Amino acid sequence: MNVRDQLLEAAARVYAEAGYRGATTRRIASVAGVNEITLFRQFGSKDALMREAIERCRQDATVPLPQEPVDPVRELTDFARAHLARMRERRSFIRTCMGEFEEHPEIMEPENSPPAVAAKALGAYLGRLRERRVATAEFDECVAATMLMGVIFADAMGRDIMRDMFPRDPEATLLEYVRIFLRGLGVSV
């Protein structure tokens, strides 16, 4: 891994643990195994480093849906499983971003966040299901996409802290989310 990548990975990790203020350049450089001067040579400022680290995390979170739906149960299960796994892996980072957003709104564009981008792609996929008459219920694609993304987000962020709310096996729960969702859209499951 090159120095730039080491710094980006360290910045994301330290930010998730300590927030913007706690993610000092000294601490990030130490975690990356380089000196602070190297950090500034690579990025110029802490703000530039943090923006790029957050952007990289955002880019790594893209999960595609097929242009031509064939098997909505499998396709949406795979989509939901991938998003859930990525959110679980990054839940500390996501929680920190949410907690820091009011104080540092410039760090992240909410409309380009992974859940927002995924919801747009999901809405388009749902529109294709409707066009092909696979989804027969009347629904708003944006609202439906927001609903599925919301439940995935709630599970990813809450399962470890609200265990009574998520008592079932994570995989069985995920399958049930998708089945209920598709039935609501009028898709035969």
C-alpha atoms as a PDB file:
ATOM      1  CA  MET A   1       0.000   0.000   0.000  1.00  0.00           C
ATOM      2  CA  ASN A   2       1.410   3.408  -0.907  1.00  0.00           C
ATOM      3  CA  VAL A   3       1.773   6.285   1.583  1.00  0.00           C
ATOM      4  CA  ARG A   4      -1.275   8.147   0.291  1.00  0.00           C
ATOM      5  CA  ASP A   5      -3.486   5.081   0.757  1.00  0.00           C
ATOM      6  CA  GLN A   6      -2.021   4.455   4.221  1.00  0.00           C
ATOM      7  CA  LEU A   7      -2.917   8.018   5.220  1.00  0.00           C
ATOM      8  CA  LEU A   8      -6.439   7.790   3.801  1.00  0.00           C
ATOM      9  CA  GLU A   9      -7.091   4.517   5.600  1.00  0.00           C
ATOM     10  CA  ALA A  10      -5.661   5.884   8.849  1.00  0.00           C
ATOM     11  CA  ALA A  11      -7.689   9.092   8.545  1.00  0.00           C
ATOM     12  CA  ALA A  12     -10.936   7.156   8.128  1.00  0.00           C
ATOM     13  CA  ARG A  13     -10.109   4.880  11.073  1.00  0.00           C
ATOM     14  CA  VAL A  14      -9.077   7.711  13.412  1.00  0.00           C
ATOM     15  CA  TYR A  15     -12.055   9.837  12.369  1.00  0.00           C
ATOM     16  CA  ALA A  16     -14.421   6.950  13.135  1.00  0.00           C
ATOM     17  CA  GLU A  17     -12.861   6.560  16.586  1.00  0.00           C
ATOM     18  CA  ALA A  18     -12.366  10.184  17.580  1.00  0.00           C
ATOM     19  CA  GLY A  19     -14.364  12.494  15.308  1.00  0.00           C
ATOM     20  CA  TYR A  20     -13.051  15.491  13.423  1.00  0.00           C
ATOM     21  CA  ARG A  21     -11.434  17.247  16.376  1.00  0.00           C
ATOM     22  CA  GLY A  22      -9.888  14.077  17.736  1.00  0.00           C
ATOM     23  CA  ALA A  23      -8.514  13.110  14.331  1.00  0.00           C
ATOM     24  CA  THR A  24      -5.408  15.201  14.673  1.00  0.00           C
ATOM     25  CA  THR A  25      -2.813  15.161  11.933  1.00  0.00           C
ATOM     26  CA  ARG A  26      -0.292  13.846  14.448  1.00  0.00           C
ATOM     27  CA  ARG A  27      -2.539  10.927  15.390  1.00  0.00           C
ATOM     28  CA  ILE A  28      -3.404  10.111  11.758  1.00  0.00           C
ATOM     29  CA  ALA A  29       0.255  10.194  10.744  1.00  0.00           C
ATOM     30  CA  SER A  30       1.163   7.940  13.667  1.00  0.00           C
ATOM     31  CA  VAL A  31      -1.516   5.373  12.778  1.00  0.00           C
ATOM     32  CA  ALA A  32      -0.362   5.480   9.138  1.00  0.00           C
ATOM     33  CA  GLY A  33       3.242   4.954  10.223  1.00  0.00           C
ATOM     34  CA  VAL A  34       4.525   8.196   8.695  1.00  0.00           C
ATOM     35  CA  ASN A  35       5.462  11.618  10.029  1.00  0.00           C
ATOM     36  CA  GLU A  36       3.199  14.660   9.959  1.00  0.00           C
ATOM     37  CA  ILE A  37       5.263  16.376   7.295  1.00  0.00           C
ATOM     38  CA  THR A  38       4.493  13.511   4.917  1.00  0.00           C
ATOM     39  CA  LEU A  39       0.790  13.954   5.608  1.00  0.00           C
ATOM     40  CA  PHE A  40       0.960  17.658   4.731  1.00  0.00           C
ATOM     41  CA  ARG A  41       3.052  16.993   1.628  1.00  0.00           C
ATOM     42  CA  GLN A  42       0.470  14.506   0.412  1.00  0.00           C
ATOM     43  CA  PHE A  43      -2.709  16.465   1.244  1.00  0.00           C
ATOM     44  CA  GLY A  44      -1.811  20.017   2.209  1.00  0.00           C
ATOM     45  CA  SER A  45      -4.295  20.155   5.082  1.00  0.00           C
ATOM     46  CA  LYS A  46      -6.285  18.039   7.479  1.00  0.00           C
ATOM     47  CA  ASP A  47      -9.507  19.175   5.805  1.00  0.00           C
ATOM     48  CA  ALA A  48      -8.325  18.004   2.365  1.00  0.00           C
ATOM     49  CA  LEU A  49      -7.247  14.660   3.833  1.00  0.00           C
ATOM     50  CA  MET A  50     -10.582  14.165   5.616  1.00  0.00           C
ATOM     51  CA  ARG A  51     -12.605  15.063   2.519  1.00  0.00           C
ATOM     52  CA  GLU A  52     -10.689  12.566   0.410  1.00  0.00           C
ATOM     53  CA  ALA A  53     -10.898   9.843   3.072  1.00  0.00           C
ATOM     54  CA  ILE A  54     -14.664  10.295   3.336  1.00  0.00           C
ATOM     55  CA  GLU A  55     -15.013  10.410  -0.446  1.00  0.00           C
ATOM     56  CA  ARG A  56     -13.059   7.173  -0.787  1.00  0.00           C
ATOM     57  CA  CYS A  57     -15.339   5.475   1.739  1.00  0.00           C
ATOM     58  CA  ARG A  58     -18.319   6.741  -0.236  1.00  0.00           C
ATOM     59  CA  GLN A  59     -16.970   5.398  -3.533  1.00  0.00           C
ATOM     60  CA  ASP A  60     -16.217   1.974  -2.057  1.00  0.00           C
ATOM     61  CA  ALA A  61     -19.861   1.591  -1.058  1.00  0.00           C
ATOM     62  CA  THR A  62     -21.442   1.371  -4.525  1.00  0.00           C
ATOM     63  CA  VAL A  63     -23.433  -1.804  -5.212  1.00  0.00           C
ATOM     64  CA  PRO A  64     -24.913  -2.096  -8.708  1.00  0.00           C
ATOM     65  CA  LEU A  65     -28.330  -3.418  -9.626  1.00  0.00           C
ATOM     66  CA  PRO A  66     -28.921  -5.031 -13.024  1.00  0.00           C
ATOM     67  CA  GLN A  67     -30.295  -2.916 -15.858  1.00  0.00           C
ATOM     68  CA  GLU A  68     -32.536  -5.802 -16.864  1.00  0.00           C
ATOM     69  CA  PRO A  69     -34.289  -7.327 -13.839  1.00  0.00           C
ATOM     70  CA  VAL A  70     -34.508 -11.103 -14.098  1.00  0.00           C
ATOM     71  CA  ASP A  71     -34.911 -12.387 -10.540  1.00  0.00           C
ATOM     72  CA  PRO A  72     -36.007  -9.568  -8.195  1.00  0.00           C
ATOM     73  CA  VAL A  73     -35.788 -11.701  -5.045  1.00  0.00           C
ATOM     74  CA  ARG A  74     -32.176 -12.698  -5.707  1.00  0.00           C
ATOM     75  CA  GLU A  75     -31.159  -9.308  -7.116  1.00  0.00           C
ATOM     76  CA  LEU A  76     -32.594  -7.301  -4.228  1.00  0.00           C
ATOM     77  CA  THR A  77     -31.345  -9.791  -1.654  1.00  0.00           C
ATOM     78  CA  ASP A  78     -27.823  -9.520  -3.063  1.00  0.00           C
ATOM     79  CA  PHE A  79     -28.121  -5.709  -3.165  1.00  0.00           C
ATOM     80  CA  ALA A  80     -29.451  -5.508   0.404  1.00  0.00           C
ATOM     81  CA  ARG A  81     -26.880  -8.015   1.704  1.00  0.00           C
ATOM     82  CA  ALA A  82     -23.991  -6.074   0.177  1.00  0.00           C
ATOM     83  CA  HIS A  83     -25.229  -2.731   1.536  1.00  0.00           C
ATOM     84  CA  LEU A  84     -25.888  -4.190   4.957  1.00  0.00           C
ATOM     85  CA  ALA A  85     -22.404  -5.732   5.110  1.00  0.00           C
ATOM     86  CA  ARG A  86     -20.730  -2.469   4.041  1.00  0.00           C
ATOM     87  CA  MET A  87     -22.714  -0.411   6.516  1.00  0.00           C
ATOM     88  CA  ARG A  88     -21.934  -2.839   9.327  1.00  0.00           C
ATOM     89  CA  GLU A  89     -18.235  -2.695   8.488  1.00  0.00           C
ATOM     90  CA  ARG A  90     -18.326   1.101   8.572  1.00  0.00           C
ATOM     91  CA  ARG A  91     -20.912   1.697  11.267  1.00  0.00           C
ATOM     92  CA  SER A  92     -18.495   3.568  13.545  1.00  0.00           C
ATOM     93  CA  PHE A  93     -17.474   5.776  10.645  1.00  0.00           C
ATOM     94  CA  ILE A  94     -21.118   6.376   9.639  1.00  0.00           C
ATOM     95  CA  ARG A  95     -22.170   7.163  13.196  1.00  0.00           C
ATOM     96  CA  THR A  96     -19.318   9.635  13.509  1.00  0.00           C
ATOM     97  CA  CYS A  97     -20.220  11.300  10.197  1.00  0.00           C
ATOM     98  CA  MET A  98     -23.812  11.690  11.327  1.00  0.00           C
ATOM     99  CA  GLY A  99     -22.786  13.089  14.695  1.00  0.00           C
ATOM    100  CA  GLU A 100     -20.338  15.531  13.128  1.00  0.00           C
ATOM    101  CA  PHE A 101     -22.515  16.682  10.238  1.00  0.00           C
ATOM    102  CA  GLU A 102     -23.977  19.764  11.920  1.00  0.00           C
ATOM    103  CA  GLU A 103     -20.575  21.039  12.982  1.00  0.00           C
ATOM    104  CA  HIS A 104     -18.779  20.082   9.751  1.00  0.00           C
ATOM    105  CA  PRO A 105     -21.363  19.999   6.922  1.00  0.00           C
ATOM    106  CA  GLU A 106     -18.636  20.751   4.382  1.00  0.00           C
ATOM    107  CA  ILE A 107     -17.033  17.353   4.953  1.00  0.00           C
ATOM    108  CA  MET A 108     -19.788  15.385   3.253  1.00  0.00           C
ATOM    109  CA  GLU A 109     -22.524  16.030   0.704  1.00  0.00           C
ATOM    110  CA  PRO A 110     -25.596  14.167   2.031  1.00  0.00           C
ATOM    111  CA  GLU A 111     -27.126  13.877  -1.433  1.00  0.00           C
ATOM    112  CA  ASN A 112     -24.031  11.951  -2.543  1.00  0.00           C
ATOM    113  CA  SER A 113     -23.843   9.716   0.512  1.00  0.00           C
ATOM    114  CA  PRO A 114     -23.813   5.965  -0.196  1.00  0.00           C
ATOM    115  CA  PRO A 115     -27.377   5.439   1.077  1.00  0.00           C
ATOM    116  CA  ALA A 116     -28.679   8.330  -1.057  1.00  0.00           C
ATOM    117  CA  VAL A 117     -26.877   7.096  -4.174  1.00  0.00           C
ATOM    118  CA  ALA A 118     -28.079   3.543  -3.491  1.00  0.00           C
ATOM    119  CA  ALA A 119     -31.650   4.732  -2.966  1.00  0.00           C
ATOM    120  CA  LYS A 120     -31.589   6.505  -6.361  1.00  0.00           C
ATOM    121  CA  ALA A 121     -30.289   3.374  -8.079  1.00  0.00           C
ATOM    122  CA  LEU A 122     -32.840   1.260  -6.233  1.00  0.00           C
ATOM    123  CA  GLY A 123     -35.657   3.625  -7.250  1.00  0.00           C
ATOM    124  CA  ALA A 124     -34.618   3.303 -10.898  1.00  0.00           C
ATOM    125  CA  TYR A 125     -34.537  -0.491 -10.569  1.00  0.00           C
ATOM    126  CA  LEU A 126     -38.020  -0.459  -9.036  1.00  0.00           C
ATOM    127  CA  GLY A 127     -39.211   1.645 -11.966  1.00  0.00           C
ATOM    128  CA  ARG A 128     -37.876  -1.014 -14.326  1.00  0.00           C
ATOM    129  CA  LEU A 129     -39.753  -3.686 -12.352  1.00  0.00           C
ATOM    130  CA  ARG A 130     -42.940  -1.673 -12.818  1.00  0.00           C
ATOM    131  CA  GLU A 131     -42.303  -1.101 -16.551  1.00  0.00           C
ATOM    132  CA  ARG A 132     -41.921  -4.855 -17.040  1.00  0.00           C
ATOM    133  CA  ARG A 133     -45.098  -5.441 -14.991  1.00  0.00           C
ATOM    134  CA  VAL A 134     -43.172  -7.525 -12.455  1.00  0.00           C
ATOM    135  CA  ALA A 135     -44.216  -5.071  -9.713  1.00  0.00           C
ATOM    136  CA  THR A 136     -47.988  -4.640  -9.954  1.00  0.00           C
ATOM    137  CA  ALA A 137     -48.846  -2.478  -6.922  1.00  0.00           C
ATOM    138  CA  GLU A 138     -49.143   1.277  -7.079  1.00  0.00           C
ATOM    139  CA  PHE A 139     -46.144   2.847  -5.337  1.00  0.00           C
ATOM    140  CA  ASP A 140     -43.725   5.737  -5.475  1.00  0.00           C
ATOM    141  CA  GLU A 141     -40.250   4.446  -6.392  1.00  0.00           C
ATOM    142  CA  CYS A 142     -38.489   7.053  -4.263  1.00  0.00           C
ATOM    143  CA  VAL A 143     -40.554   6.287  -1.172  1.00  0.00           C
ATOM    144  CA  ALA A 144     -40.195   2.531  -1.660  1.00  0.00           C
ATOM    145  CA  ALA A 145     -36.429   2.810  -2.131  1.00  0.00           C
ATOM    146  CA  THR A 146     -36.147   5.007   0.949  1.00  0.00           C
ATOM    147  CA  MET A 147     -38.110   2.437   2.945  1.00  0.00           C
ATOM    148  CA  LEU A 148     -35.832  -0.487   2.054  1.00  0.00           C
ATOM    149  CA  MET A 149     -32.668   1.571   2.520  1.00  0.00           C
ATOM    150  CA  GLY A 150     -34.039   2.787   5.855  1.00  0.00           C
ATOM    151  CA  VAL A 151     -34.561  -0.709   7.225  1.00  0.00           C
ATOM    152  CA  ILE A 152     -31.113  -1.793   6.026  1.00  0.00           C
ATOM    153  CA  PHE A 153     -29.606   1.287   7.645  1.00  0.00           C
ATOM    154  CA  ALA A 154     -31.501   0.715  10.908  1.00  0.00           C
ATOM    155  CA  ASP A 155     -30.327  -2.891  11.056  1.00  0.00           C
ATOM    156  CA  ALA A 156     -26.710  -1.990  10.297  1.00  0.00           C
ATOM    157  CA  MET A 157     -26.598   0.826  12.843  1.00  0.00           C
ATOM    158  CA  GLY A 158     -28.802  -0.677  15.521  1.00  0.00           C
ATOM    159  CA  ARG A 159     -28.297  -4.421  15.693  1.00  0.00           C
ATOM    160  CA  ASP A 160     -25.261  -4.157  17.980  1.00  0.00           C
ATOM    161  CA  ILE A 161     -26.862  -1.681  20.406  1.00  0.00           C
ATOM    162  CA  MET A 162     -30.578  -2.638  20.323  1.00  0.00           C
ATOM    163  CA  ARG A 163     -30.355  -6.406  20.465  1.00  0.00           C
ATOM    164  CA  ASP A 164     -33.977  -6.890  21.537  1.00  0.00           C
ATOM    165  CA  MET A 165     -35.149  -5.108  18.402  1.00  0.00           C
ATOM    166  CA  PHE A 166     -33.128  -7.444  16.155  1.00  0.00           C
ATOM    167  CA  PRO A 167     -33.349 -10.851  17.859  1.00  0.00           C
ATOM    168  CA  ARG A 168     -33.398 -13.031  14.723  1.00  0.00           C
ATOM    169  CA  ASP A 169     -30.490 -14.304  12.721  1.00  0.00           C
ATOM    170  CA  PRO A 170     -29.181 -11.447  10.528  1.00  0.00           C
ATOM    171  CA  GLU A 171     -29.432 -13.423   7.278  1.00  0.00           C
ATOM    172  CA  ALA A 172     -32.963 -14.645   8.006  1.00  0.00           C
ATOM    173  CA  THR A 173     -33.958 -11.095   8.895  1.00  0.00           C
ATOM    174  CA  LEU A 174     -32.488  -9.749   5.670  1.00  0.00           C
ATOM    175  CA  LEU A 175     -34.420 -12.292   3.613  1.00  0.00           C
ATOM    176  CA  GLU A 176     -37.609 -11.317   5.406  1.00  0.00           C
ATOM    177  CA  TYR A 177     -36.991  -7.596   4.749  1.00  0.00           C
ATOM    178  CA  VAL A 178     -36.707  -8.301   1.036  1.00  0.00           C
ATOM    179  CA  ARG A 179     -39.722 -10.647   0.914  1.00  0.00           C
ATOM    180  CA  ILE A 180     -41.981  -8.197   2.758  1.00  0.00           C
ATOM    181  CA  PHE A 181     -40.727  -5.331   0.610  1.00  0.00           C
ATOM    182  CA  LEU A 182     -41.348  -7.150  -2.665  1.00  0.00           C
ATOM    183  CA  ARG A 183     -44.796  -8.344  -1.596  1.00  0.00           C
ATOM    184  CA  GLY A 184     -45.654  -4.709  -0.826  1.00  0.00           C
ATOM    185  CA  LEU A 185     -44.692  -3.791  -4.393  1.00  0.00           C
ATOM    186  CA  GLY A 186     -46.882  -6.548  -5.796  1.00  0.00           C
ATOM    187  CA  VAL A 187     -44.028  -8.825  -6.846  1.00  0.00           C
ATOM    188  CA  SER A 188     -44.757 -12.543  -6.638  1.00  0.00           C
ATOM    189  CA  VAL A 189     -42.424 -14.022  -4.051  1.00  0.00           C
END
